N, C-alpha and C. Protein backbone atom coordinates (compact mmCIF):
# COMPACT_ATOMS: atom_id res chain seq x y z
N UNK A 1 -1.96 28.19 6.52
CA UNK A 1 -3.04 27.39 5.96
C UNK A 1 -3.92 28.80 5.47
N UNK A 2 -4.40 28.20 4.10
CA UNK A 2 -5.45 28.98 3.47
C UNK A 2 -6.37 28.40 2.98
N UNK A 3 -7.51 29.43 2.41
CA UNK A 3 -8.77 28.96 2.93
C UNK A 3 -9.25 27.66 2.05
N UNK A 4 -7.84 27.38 0.87
CA UNK A 4 -8.28 26.20 -0.08
C UNK A 4 -7.97 24.91 0.22
N UNK A 5 -6.55 25.13 0.05
CA UNK A 5 -5.57 23.60 0.38
C UNK A 5 -4.59 24.05 1.12
N UNK A 6 -4.31 22.92 2.13
CA UNK A 6 -3.46 22.43 2.41
C UNK A 6 -1.74 22.76 1.74
N UNK A 7 -0.91 24.05 2.59
CA UNK A 7 0.56 24.45 2.26
C UNK A 7 1.16 23.05 1.43
N UNK A 8 2.12 23.26 0.22
CA UNK A 8 2.58 22.69 -0.36
C UNK A 8 3.86 21.61 0.10
N UNK A 9 4.17 22.03 1.47
CA UNK A 9 5.20 21.72 2.39
C UNK A 9 4.48 20.04 2.33
N UNK A 10 3.43 20.18 2.84
CA UNK A 10 3.17 18.72 3.31
C UNK A 10 2.74 17.47 1.66
N UNK A 11 3.23 17.95 0.84
CA UNK A 11 3.82 17.45 -0.42
C UNK A 11 5.11 16.50 0.23
N UNK A 12 5.88 16.60 1.26
CA UNK A 12 7.43 16.63 0.82
C UNK A 12 7.43 16.37 2.61
N UNK A 13 7.67 15.26 3.38
CA UNK A 13 7.82 14.63 4.55
C UNK A 13 9.03 15.38 5.15
N UNK A 14 10.14 15.90 4.53
CA UNK A 14 11.54 15.84 5.22
C UNK A 14 11.25 17.83 4.84
N UNK A 15 10.60 17.92 3.68
CA UNK A 15 10.19 20.17 3.81
C UNK A 15 9.03 20.14 5.24
N UNK A 16 8.23 19.56 5.28
CA UNK A 16 7.46 19.47 6.44
C UNK A 16 7.83 19.48 7.96
N UNK A 17 9.25 18.53 7.97
CA UNK A 17 9.92 18.62 9.33
C UNK A 17 10.74 19.09 9.11
N UNK A 18 11.66 20.43 8.46
CA UNK A 18 12.69 20.99 8.08
C UNK A 18 13.51 20.07 8.35
N UNK A 19 13.49 18.99 7.52
CA UNK A 19 15.09 17.69 7.46
C UNK A 19 15.58 17.97 6.59
N UNK A 20 17.02 17.35 5.95
CA UNK A 20 17.53 17.65 4.53
C UNK A 20 16.70 16.08 4.37
N UNK A 21 17.04 16.21 2.83
CA UNK A 21 16.78 14.94 2.27
C UNK A 21 17.99 14.15 1.99
N UNK A 22 17.34 12.81 3.01
CA UNK A 22 19.01 11.91 3.63
C UNK A 22 18.43 11.49 4.29
N UNK A 23 19.21 9.98 4.20
CA UNK A 23 18.46 9.01 5.34
C UNK A 23 18.65 9.27 6.54
N UNK A 24 19.72 10.08 7.11
CA UNK A 24 19.69 9.84 8.69
C UNK A 24 18.94 11.06 9.13
N UNK A 25 18.52 10.83 10.05
CA UNK A 25 17.60 12.40 10.87
C UNK A 25 18.02 12.34 11.99
N UNK A 26 17.81 13.44 12.54
CA UNK A 26 17.79 13.51 14.44
C UNK A 26 16.88 13.64 15.33
N UNK A 27 16.25 12.69 15.38
CA UNK A 27 15.24 12.13 16.09
C UNK A 27 14.49 13.03 17.41
N UNK A 28 15.32 14.39 18.02
CA UNK A 28 15.11 15.24 18.57
C UNK A 28 14.50 15.71 17.84
N UNK A 29 15.06 16.19 16.80
CA UNK A 29 14.26 17.48 16.18
C UNK A 29 13.24 17.16 15.49
N UNK A 30 12.90 15.97 15.02
CA UNK A 30 11.82 15.27 14.50
C UNK A 30 10.76 15.73 15.49
N UNK A 31 10.59 15.08 16.51
CA UNK A 31 9.98 15.45 17.61
C UNK A 31 9.72 16.58 18.50
N UNK A 32 10.38 17.81 18.04
CA UNK A 32 10.11 19.07 18.27
C UNK A 32 9.89 19.48 17.17
N UNK A 33 9.70 19.73 16.31
CA UNK A 33 8.80 20.09 15.11
C UNK A 33 7.39 19.36 15.10
N UNK A 34 7.53 18.34 15.36
CA UNK A 34 6.29 17.55 15.59
C UNK A 34 4.92 18.31 16.52
N UNK A 35 6.24 18.71 17.60
CA UNK A 35 5.16 19.54 18.45
C UNK A 35 4.25 20.84 18.21
N UNK A 36 5.59 21.24 17.53
CA UNK A 36 4.89 22.39 17.13
C UNK A 36 3.95 22.63 15.83
N UNK A 37 4.21 21.63 15.00
CA UNK A 37 3.40 21.22 14.24
C UNK A 37 2.01 21.03 14.28
N UNK A 38 1.69 20.12 15.26
CA UNK A 38 0.43 20.08 15.91
C UNK A 38 -0.26 21.01 16.82
N UNK A 39 0.62 21.73 17.30
CA UNK A 39 -0.01 23.21 17.80
C UNK A 39 0.16 23.72 16.36
N UNK A 40 0.32 23.66 15.81
CA UNK A 40 0.35 25.44 14.91
C UNK A 40 -1.31 24.85 14.13
N UNK A 41 -1.47 23.06 13.74
CA UNK A 41 -2.38 23.10 12.97
C UNK A 41 -3.63 21.98 13.59
N UNK A 42 -3.53 22.62 15.36
CA UNK A 42 -4.56 22.22 16.45
C UNK A 42 -5.93 23.06 15.86
N UNK A 43 -6.98 22.42 16.05
CA UNK A 43 -8.34 22.76 15.55
C UNK A 43 -8.78 24.25 15.82
N UNK A 44 -8.28 24.57 17.47
CA UNK A 44 -8.23 25.45 17.71
C UNK A 44 -7.21 27.03 16.79
N UNK A 45 -6.45 26.38 16.56
CA UNK A 45 -5.76 27.44 16.30
C UNK A 45 -6.42 27.66 14.73
N UNK A 46 -6.76 26.56 13.73
CA UNK A 46 -6.29 26.65 12.40
C UNK A 46 -8.13 27.62 12.45
N UNK A 47 -9.28 27.60 12.99
CA UNK A 47 -10.30 27.75 13.19
C UNK A 47 -10.43 29.64 13.07
N UNK A 48 -9.18 29.96 14.00
CA UNK A 48 -8.97 31.43 14.03
C UNK A 48 -8.51 32.00 12.68
N UNK A 49 -7.94 31.59 11.73
CA UNK A 49 -7.53 31.95 10.48
C UNK A 49 -8.86 31.60 9.34
N UNK A 50 -9.78 30.94 9.36
CA UNK A 50 -10.72 30.39 8.56
C UNK A 50 -12.14 30.87 8.80
N UNK A 51 -12.63 31.79 8.16
CA UNK A 51 -14.17 31.94 8.16
C UNK A 51 -15.46 30.88 8.55
N UNK A 52 -15.05 29.61 8.07
CA UNK A 52 -15.70 28.84 7.83
C UNK A 52 -15.75 27.58 8.89
N UNK A 53 -16.06 27.00 9.63
CA UNK A 53 -15.53 26.52 10.66
C UNK A 53 -15.49 25.21 10.43
N UNK A 54 -16.51 24.50 9.56
CA UNK A 54 -16.45 23.36 9.64
C UNK A 54 -14.72 23.37 8.62
N UNK A 55 -15.13 23.70 7.77
CA UNK A 55 -13.98 23.76 6.82
C UNK A 55 -12.15 23.83 7.48
N UNK A 56 -12.62 24.33 8.19
CA UNK A 56 -11.13 24.69 9.35
C UNK A 56 -10.95 23.26 10.01
N UNK A 57 -12.02 22.41 10.52
CA UNK A 57 -11.83 21.62 10.94
C UNK A 57 -11.61 20.15 10.03
N UNK A 58 -12.37 20.17 8.81
CA UNK A 58 -11.76 19.50 8.23
C UNK A 58 -10.32 19.67 7.73
N UNK A 59 -9.35 20.71 7.37
CA UNK A 59 -8.72 21.08 6.94
C UNK A 59 -7.50 20.73 8.01
N UNK A 60 -7.64 21.02 9.41
CA UNK A 60 -7.27 20.52 10.62
C UNK A 60 -6.77 19.15 10.69
N UNK A 61 -7.99 18.45 9.74
CA UNK A 61 -7.71 16.74 10.28
C UNK A 61 -7.04 15.80 9.19
N UNK A 62 -6.92 17.03 8.44
CA UNK A 62 -6.06 16.65 7.10
C UNK A 62 -4.78 16.75 7.60
N UNK A 63 -4.66 18.07 8.17
CA UNK A 63 -3.25 17.99 8.40
C UNK A 63 -2.85 17.18 9.63
N UNK A 64 -3.26 17.10 10.83
CA UNK A 64 -2.93 16.11 11.59
C UNK A 64 -2.49 14.67 10.91
N UNK A 65 -3.63 14.65 10.46
CA UNK A 65 -3.45 13.18 9.53
C UNK A 65 -2.11 13.06 8.62
N UNK A 66 -1.63 13.70 7.97
CA UNK A 66 -0.42 13.96 7.04
C UNK A 66 1.03 14.53 8.05
N UNK A 67 0.41 14.86 8.92
CA UNK A 67 2.03 15.48 10.11
C UNK A 67 1.99 14.16 10.45
N UNK A 68 1.12 13.52 10.90
CA UNK A 68 1.48 11.87 11.95
C UNK A 68 2.09 10.88 11.20
N UNK A 69 1.18 11.04 9.71
CA UNK A 69 2.04 9.96 8.71
C UNK A 69 3.29 10.51 8.48
N UNK A 70 3.64 11.33 8.36
CA UNK A 70 5.17 12.24 7.98
C UNK A 70 6.09 11.75 9.16
N UNK A 71 5.83 12.23 10.13
CA UNK A 71 6.34 11.55 11.29
C UNK A 71 6.62 10.24 11.54
N UNK A 72 5.66 9.31 11.32
CA UNK A 72 5.92 8.20 10.98
C UNK A 72 6.90 7.51 10.14
N UNK A 73 6.78 8.14 8.93
CA UNK A 73 7.71 7.76 8.24
C UNK A 73 9.02 7.98 8.23
N UNK A 74 9.45 9.74 8.71
CA UNK A 74 10.81 9.96 8.66
C UNK A 74 11.37 8.84 10.59
N UNK A 75 10.43 8.74 11.19
CA UNK A 75 11.23 8.36 12.31
C UNK A 75 11.43 6.39 12.37
N UNK A 76 11.11 6.30 11.66
CA UNK A 76 11.77 4.37 11.55
C UNK A 76 12.17 4.65 10.41
N UNK A 77 13.57 3.62 10.55
CA UNK A 77 14.23 3.75 9.08
C UNK A 77 13.90 2.77 8.16
N UNK A 78 13.06 1.44 8.32
CA UNK A 78 12.62 1.58 6.90
C UNK A 78 11.48 2.08 6.22
N UNK A 79 11.01 2.46 6.86
CA UNK A 79 9.79 3.36 6.10
C UNK A 79 10.53 4.80 5.69
N UNK A 80 11.33 5.47 6.14
CA UNK A 80 12.15 6.46 5.59
C UNK A 80 13.17 5.99 4.73
N UNK A 81 13.83 4.82 4.43
CA UNK A 81 14.42 4.32 3.16
C UNK A 81 13.49 4.50 2.61
N UNK A 82 12.11 3.60 2.25
CA UNK A 82 11.25 3.63 1.35
C UNK A 82 10.66 4.50 0.63
N UNK A 83 10.35 5.92 1.53
CA UNK A 83 10.12 6.91 1.08
C UNK A 83 11.13 7.65 0.21
N UNK A 84 12.10 7.52 0.64
CA UNK A 84 13.53 7.93 -0.19
C UNK A 84 13.23 7.23 -1.60
N UNK A 85 13.23 5.97 -1.68
CA UNK A 85 13.61 5.29 -2.60
C UNK A 85 12.30 5.60 -3.61
N UNK A 86 11.12 6.05 -2.65
CA UNK A 86 9.46 6.41 -3.54
C UNK A 86 10.15 8.03 -4.12
N UNK A 87 11.02 8.75 -3.56
CA UNK A 87 10.99 9.97 -3.84
C UNK A 87 12.01 10.57 -5.23
N UNK A 88 12.78 9.35 -5.15
CA UNK A 88 14.19 8.87 -6.12
C UNK A 88 13.67 8.29 -7.65
N UNK A 89 12.10 7.76 -7.44
CA UNK A 89 11.13 6.88 -8.71
C UNK A 89 11.96 5.53 -8.74
N UNK A 90 12.37 4.94 -7.35
CA UNK A 90 13.01 3.58 -7.38
C UNK A 90 12.58 2.52 -6.39
N UNK A 91 11.07 3.13 -6.31
CA UNK A 91 10.35 2.45 -5.31
C UNK A 91 9.65 0.75 -5.75
N UNK A 92 9.79 1.23 -7.20
CA UNK A 92 8.73 -0.04 -8.22
C UNK A 92 9.06 -1.34 -7.30
N UNK A 93 10.46 -1.47 -6.98
CA UNK A 93 10.82 -3.36 -7.04
C UNK A 93 10.81 -3.60 -5.39
N UNK A 94 10.53 -2.80 -4.35
CA UNK A 94 10.24 -3.19 -3.11
C UNK A 94 9.29 -4.28 -2.14
N UNK A 95 8.57 -4.74 -3.58
CA UNK A 95 7.54 -5.61 -2.99
C UNK A 95 7.91 -7.39 -3.32
N UNK A 96 9.41 -7.08 -4.36
CA UNK A 96 9.91 -8.29 -4.31
C UNK A 96 10.78 -8.93 -2.98
N UNK A 97 10.78 -10.33 -3.58
CA UNK A 97 11.52 -11.37 -2.48
C UNK A 97 12.93 -10.58 -1.82
N UNK A 98 13.18 -10.94 -0.88
CA UNK A 98 14.39 -10.80 0.07
C UNK A 98 15.30 -11.81 -0.95
N UNK A 99 16.14 -11.52 -1.97
CA UNK A 99 17.25 -13.18 -2.65
C UNK A 99 18.44 -13.11 -2.23
N UNK A 100 18.55 -12.80 -1.33
CA UNK A 100 19.98 -12.75 -0.04
C UNK A 100 19.46 -14.41 0.76
N UNK A 101 20.10 -15.55 0.43
CA UNK A 101 19.74 -16.57 1.54
C UNK A 101 20.31 -16.46 2.51
N UNK A 102 21.60 -15.99 2.95
CA UNK A 102 22.68 -15.86 3.89
C UNK A 102 21.38 -15.02 5.15
N UNK A 103 20.92 -13.48 4.33
CA UNK A 103 20.59 -13.06 5.39
C UNK A 103 18.71 -13.88 5.59
N UNK A 104 18.56 -14.60 4.88
CA UNK A 104 17.63 -14.85 5.02
C UNK A 104 16.86 -16.22 6.13
N UNK A 105 18.15 -17.43 6.04
CA UNK A 105 18.18 -18.08 6.82
C UNK A 105 18.74 -16.93 8.35
N UNK A 106 19.73 -16.51 8.56
CA UNK A 106 20.08 -16.07 9.54
C UNK A 106 18.71 -15.21 10.51
N UNK A 107 17.56 -14.60 9.52
CA UNK A 107 16.77 -13.54 10.35
C UNK A 107 15.67 -14.65 10.53
N UNK A 108 14.86 -16.00 9.93
CA UNK A 108 14.43 -16.49 10.00
C UNK A 108 15.06 -17.36 11.35
N UNK A 109 16.62 -17.24 11.51
CA UNK A 109 17.26 -18.30 13.16
C UNK A 109 16.64 -17.03 13.99
N UNK A 110 16.87 -15.91 13.81
CA UNK A 110 16.48 -14.92 14.93
C UNK A 110 14.68 -14.70 15.06
N UNK A 111 14.11 -14.97 14.00
CA UNK A 111 12.76 -15.07 14.24
C UNK A 111 12.08 -16.14 15.22
N UNK A 112 13.02 -17.65 14.51
CA UNK A 112 12.35 -19.22 15.88
C UNK A 112 12.94 -18.69 16.95
N UNK A 113 13.90 -18.19 17.06
CA UNK A 113 14.62 -17.68 18.59
C UNK A 113 13.78 -16.87 19.31
N UNK A 114 13.48 -15.82 19.08
CA UNK A 114 12.23 -14.80 19.34
C UNK A 114 11.11 -15.43 19.96
N UNK A 115 10.39 -16.35 18.25
CA UNK A 115 9.46 -16.82 19.29
C UNK A 115 9.23 -18.18 20.07
N UNK A 116 10.68 -18.68 19.78
CA UNK A 116 10.98 -19.25 21.59
C UNK A 116 10.62 -18.93 21.98
N UNK A 117 11.26 -18.08 22.92
CA UNK A 117 11.87 -17.15 23.94
C UNK A 117 10.74 -16.23 24.53
N UNK A 118 9.72 -16.14 23.40
CA UNK A 118 8.37 -15.73 23.71
C UNK A 118 7.38 -16.30 23.82
N UNK A 119 7.32 -17.80 23.95
CA UNK A 119 6.75 -19.17 24.32
C UNK A 119 7.13 -19.84 25.52
N UNK A 120 8.53 -19.48 25.80
CA UNK A 120 9.07 -19.63 27.31
C UNK A 120 8.96 -19.09 28.35
N UNK A 121 8.71 -17.54 27.46
CA UNK A 121 8.63 -16.25 28.41
C UNK A 121 10.04 -16.20 29.13
N UNK A 122 11.25 -16.06 28.29
CA UNK A 122 12.60 -16.07 28.67
C UNK A 122 12.73 -15.10 28.26
N UNK A 123 12.86 -14.00 29.05
CA UNK A 123 13.34 -12.35 28.79
C UNK A 123 15.03 -12.79 28.96
N UNK A 124 15.56 -13.03 29.00
CA UNK A 124 17.10 -13.73 29.19
C UNK A 124 17.23 -13.55 27.85
N UNK A 125 17.26 -14.35 26.78
CA UNK A 125 17.14 -14.73 25.53
C UNK A 125 16.96 -13.38 24.98
N UNK A 126 15.81 -12.64 25.17
CA UNK A 126 15.40 -11.83 23.94
C UNK A 126 16.40 -10.96 25.00
N UNK A 127 16.63 -10.08 25.78
CA UNK A 127 17.54 -9.07 26.05
C UNK A 127 18.86 -9.93 25.51
N UNK A 128 19.51 -11.09 24.95
CA UNK A 128 20.53 -11.25 24.36
C UNK A 128 20.20 -11.13 22.84
N UNK A 129 18.95 -11.57 22.30
CA UNK A 129 18.51 -11.25 20.85
C UNK A 129 18.65 -9.66 20.51
N UNK A 130 18.29 -8.68 21.69
CA UNK A 130 17.80 -7.47 21.03
C UNK A 130 18.61 -6.45 20.83
N UNK A 131 20.22 -6.68 21.04
CA UNK A 131 21.63 -5.81 20.22
C UNK A 131 21.70 -6.80 19.26
N UNK A 132 21.75 -7.98 19.55
CA UNK A 132 22.14 -8.63 17.84
C UNK A 132 21.38 -8.21 16.46
N UNK A 133 19.57 -7.77 17.01
CA UNK A 133 18.59 -7.44 15.95
C UNK A 133 19.35 -5.53 15.80
N UNK A 134 19.45 -5.39 16.69
CA UNK A 134 20.13 -3.93 16.98
C UNK A 134 21.19 -3.53 15.95
N UNK A 135 22.19 -4.10 15.93
CA UNK A 135 23.27 -4.19 15.22
C UNK A 135 22.83 -4.36 13.29
N UNK A 136 22.08 -5.41 13.83
CA UNK A 136 22.13 -5.82 12.07
C UNK A 136 21.34 -4.49 11.64
N UNK A 137 19.97 -3.67 12.20
CA UNK A 137 19.68 -2.81 11.90
C UNK A 137 20.13 -1.39 11.31
N UNK A 138 21.65 -1.20 12.13
CA UNK A 138 22.10 -0.01 12.44
C UNK A 138 23.47 -0.84 11.05
N UNK A 139 23.55 -2.33 10.33
CA UNK A 139 24.38 -2.33 9.78
C UNK A 139 23.47 -1.83 8.53
N UNK A 140 22.28 -2.51 8.26
CA UNK A 140 21.48 -2.11 6.88
C UNK A 140 21.19 -0.79 6.70
N UNK A 141 21.38 -0.41 7.86
CA UNK A 141 21.09 1.59 7.78
C UNK A 141 22.11 2.08 6.90
N UNK A 142 23.16 1.91 7.46
CA UNK A 142 24.32 2.01 6.61
C UNK A 142 24.73 1.43 5.74
N UNK A 143 24.46 0.46 5.07
CA UNK A 143 24.05 -0.02 3.71
C UNK A 143 23.18 0.93 2.75
N UNK A 144 21.97 0.80 3.23
CA UNK A 144 21.34 1.68 2.61
C UNK A 144 21.94 3.12 2.46
N UNK A 145 22.28 3.84 3.19
CA UNK A 145 22.41 5.10 3.00
C UNK A 145 23.64 5.51 2.28
N UNK A 146 25.20 4.64 2.62
CA UNK A 146 25.68 4.53 1.38
C UNK A 146 25.29 4.14 -0.48
N UNK A 147 24.21 3.40 -0.16
CA UNK A 147 24.02 3.25 -1.41
C UNK A 147 23.38 4.07 -2.00
N UNK A 148 22.12 5.22 -1.40
CA UNK A 148 21.26 6.00 -1.75
C UNK A 148 22.00 7.04 -2.40
N UNK A 149 23.53 7.30 -1.22
CA UNK A 149 23.68 8.48 -1.66
C UNK A 149 24.72 8.14 -2.63
N UNK A 150 25.23 6.94 -3.55
CA UNK A 150 25.85 6.38 -4.50
C UNK A 150 24.94 6.38 -5.71
N UNK A 151 23.66 6.51 -5.27
CA UNK A 151 22.60 6.19 -6.04
C UNK A 151 22.92 4.46 -6.64
N UNK A 152 23.15 3.34 -5.81
CA UNK A 152 23.29 2.10 -6.36
C UNK A 152 21.78 2.01 -6.23
N UNK A 153 20.51 2.01 -6.20
CA UNK A 153 19.71 1.79 -6.01
C UNK A 153 19.42 0.21 -6.50
N UNK A 154 19.59 -0.72 -6.59
CA UNK A 154 19.66 -2.73 -6.37
C UNK A 154 19.73 -2.51 -4.78
N UNK A 155 21.42 -1.83 -4.58
CA UNK A 155 21.77 -2.38 -3.04
C UNK A 155 20.84 -1.30 -2.05
N UNK A 156 20.60 -0.72 -2.65
CA UNK A 156 18.98 0.56 -1.44
C UNK A 156 18.25 -0.23 -1.19
N UNK A 157 17.54 -0.74 -2.82
CA UNK A 157 15.85 -1.90 -2.56
C UNK A 157 16.43 -2.84 -1.42
N UNK A 158 17.21 -3.58 -1.75
CA UNK A 158 17.96 -4.65 -1.00
C UNK A 158 17.61 -4.15 0.41
N UNK A 159 18.85 -3.11 0.70
CA UNK A 159 18.78 -3.02 2.14
C UNK A 159 17.19 -2.06 2.69
N UNK A 160 16.49 -2.34 2.33
CA UNK A 160 15.31 -1.57 2.50
C UNK A 160 14.42 -2.89 2.54
N UNK A 161 14.32 -3.59 1.89
CA UNK A 161 13.48 -4.91 2.10
C UNK A 161 14.20 -5.61 3.63
N UNK A 162 15.57 -5.94 3.91
CA UNK A 162 16.09 -6.05 4.95
C UNK A 162 15.49 -5.49 6.33
N UNK A 163 15.69 -4.05 5.93
CA UNK A 163 15.21 -2.87 7.05
C UNK A 163 13.65 -3.21 7.82
N UNK A 164 13.27 -3.39 7.09
CA UNK A 164 11.43 -4.04 7.24
C UNK A 164 11.43 -5.13 7.80
N UNK A 165 12.14 -6.17 7.25
CA UNK A 165 12.14 -7.36 8.13
C UNK A 165 12.52 -7.29 9.62
N UNK A 166 13.95 -6.25 9.72
CA UNK A 166 14.24 -5.77 10.62
C UNK A 166 13.62 -5.83 11.75
N UNK A 167 13.28 -4.08 11.32
CA UNK A 167 12.11 -3.30 12.10
C UNK A 167 11.05 -3.93 12.61
N UNK A 168 9.84 -4.80 12.33
CA UNK A 168 9.26 -5.78 12.28
C UNK A 168 9.80 -6.72 13.45
N UNK A 169 11.00 -6.86 13.40
CA UNK A 169 11.73 -7.89 14.42
C UNK A 169 12.03 -7.35 15.43
N UNK A 170 12.52 -6.12 15.65
CA UNK A 170 13.06 -5.57 16.83
C UNK A 170 11.78 -4.73 17.70
N UNK A 171 10.51 -4.59 16.90
CA UNK A 171 9.48 -4.11 17.31
C UNK A 171 8.96 -5.28 18.50
N UNK A 172 8.68 -6.21 17.45
CA UNK A 172 8.31 -7.74 18.39
C UNK A 172 9.24 -8.04 19.79
N UNK A 173 10.46 -8.07 19.12
CA UNK A 173 11.11 -7.90 20.79
C UNK A 173 11.19 -7.10 21.90
N UNK A 174 11.15 -5.79 21.46
CA UNK A 174 10.73 -4.54 22.56
C UNK A 174 9.32 -4.79 22.80
N UNK A 175 8.09 -5.32 22.46
CA UNK A 175 7.05 -5.54 22.98
C UNK A 175 7.07 -6.23 23.80
N UNK A 176 7.88 -7.62 23.35
CA UNK A 176 8.16 -8.78 24.27
C UNK A 176 8.40 -8.78 25.95
N UNK A 177 9.78 -8.15 25.47
CA UNK A 177 10.73 -7.50 26.81
C UNK A 177 10.06 -6.83 27.35
N UNK A 178 8.92 -5.83 27.25
CA UNK A 178 8.30 -4.61 27.99
C UNK A 178 7.28 -5.09 28.58
N UNK A 179 6.64 -6.49 27.76
CA UNK A 179 5.42 -6.99 28.27
C UNK A 179 6.04 -7.86 29.12
N UNK A 180 6.90 -9.11 29.18
CA UNK A 180 6.84 -9.41 30.33
C UNK A 180 7.66 -8.71 31.60
N UNK A 181 8.39 -7.65 31.43
CA UNK A 181 8.75 -6.81 32.38
C UNK A 181 7.99 -6.12 33.56
N UNK A 182 6.93 -5.53 32.43
CA UNK A 182 5.57 -5.10 33.06
C UNK A 182 5.04 -6.48 34.38
N UNK A 183 4.81 -7.67 33.40
CA UNK A 183 4.28 -8.99 34.05
C UNK A 183 5.46 -8.95 35.58
N UNK A 184 6.35 -8.65 35.31
CA UNK A 184 7.37 -9.37 36.50
C UNK A 184 6.78 -8.65 37.52
N UNK A 185 6.73 -6.88 37.22
CA UNK A 185 6.42 -5.73 38.49
C UNK A 185 5.19 -6.24 38.77
N UNK A 186 4.20 -6.38 38.06
CA UNK A 186 2.85 -6.49 38.59
C UNK A 186 3.01 -7.59 39.58
N UNK A 187 4.08 -8.86 39.20
CA UNK A 187 3.88 -9.96 40.19
C UNK A 187 4.39 -9.18 41.67
N UNK A 188 5.69 -8.65 41.11
CA UNK A 188 6.16 -8.24 42.60
C UNK A 188 5.28 -7.42 43.60
N UNK A 189 4.39 -6.19 42.68
CA UNK A 189 3.43 -5.80 43.71
C UNK A 189 2.85 -6.72 44.78
N UNK A 190 2.30 -7.75 44.36
CA UNK A 190 1.78 -8.92 45.29
C UNK A 190 2.54 -9.02 46.59
N UNK A 191 3.75 -9.08 46.23
CA UNK A 191 4.23 -9.10 47.72
C UNK A 191 4.41 -8.10 49.05
N UNK A 192 3.94 -6.62 48.20
CA UNK A 192 3.41 -5.52 49.61
C UNK A 192 2.15 -5.96 49.69
N UNK A 193 1.04 -6.75 49.55
CA UNK A 193 -0.27 -6.75 49.43
C UNK A 193 -0.69 -6.85 51.50
């Protein structure tokens, strides 16, 4: 880190995390690089290299924010796809509505099933929904990867929009399963009091 600005690699999250610019990433490599970067840009380590402590603290905070943003971006398939499209200058249509009516119907049905299962505290239904959602996530990830590699931008944009919906749906089902499982374990503790 220099006295004036963050290193150029902070402009590109793939370079920052030493990943090839592609859709597929190895999560373990991201995790390992995150730990390295956090250690390298920790305020105590940065202060050793810069005479002005206040400036070092500010640069460390900036670096930490960018490192965390980069990690979050590359860790999630929807944000990684959006980032790749942005790097390719193709992200301008990402906020448009999904036009695939079959996907929308299927997605809305899964959303209603999820909401009903959460309302009924039905963990069995949630556990049935989860693999269905992850299967659809894998399919859209593969669609995006192929479209991105062939520069079929409209299909890549369409897949990214679908990934955004599915990632949110997946997060909601995982949160619900975890919450219900934790509540069940808390109830079990009452048996041993």
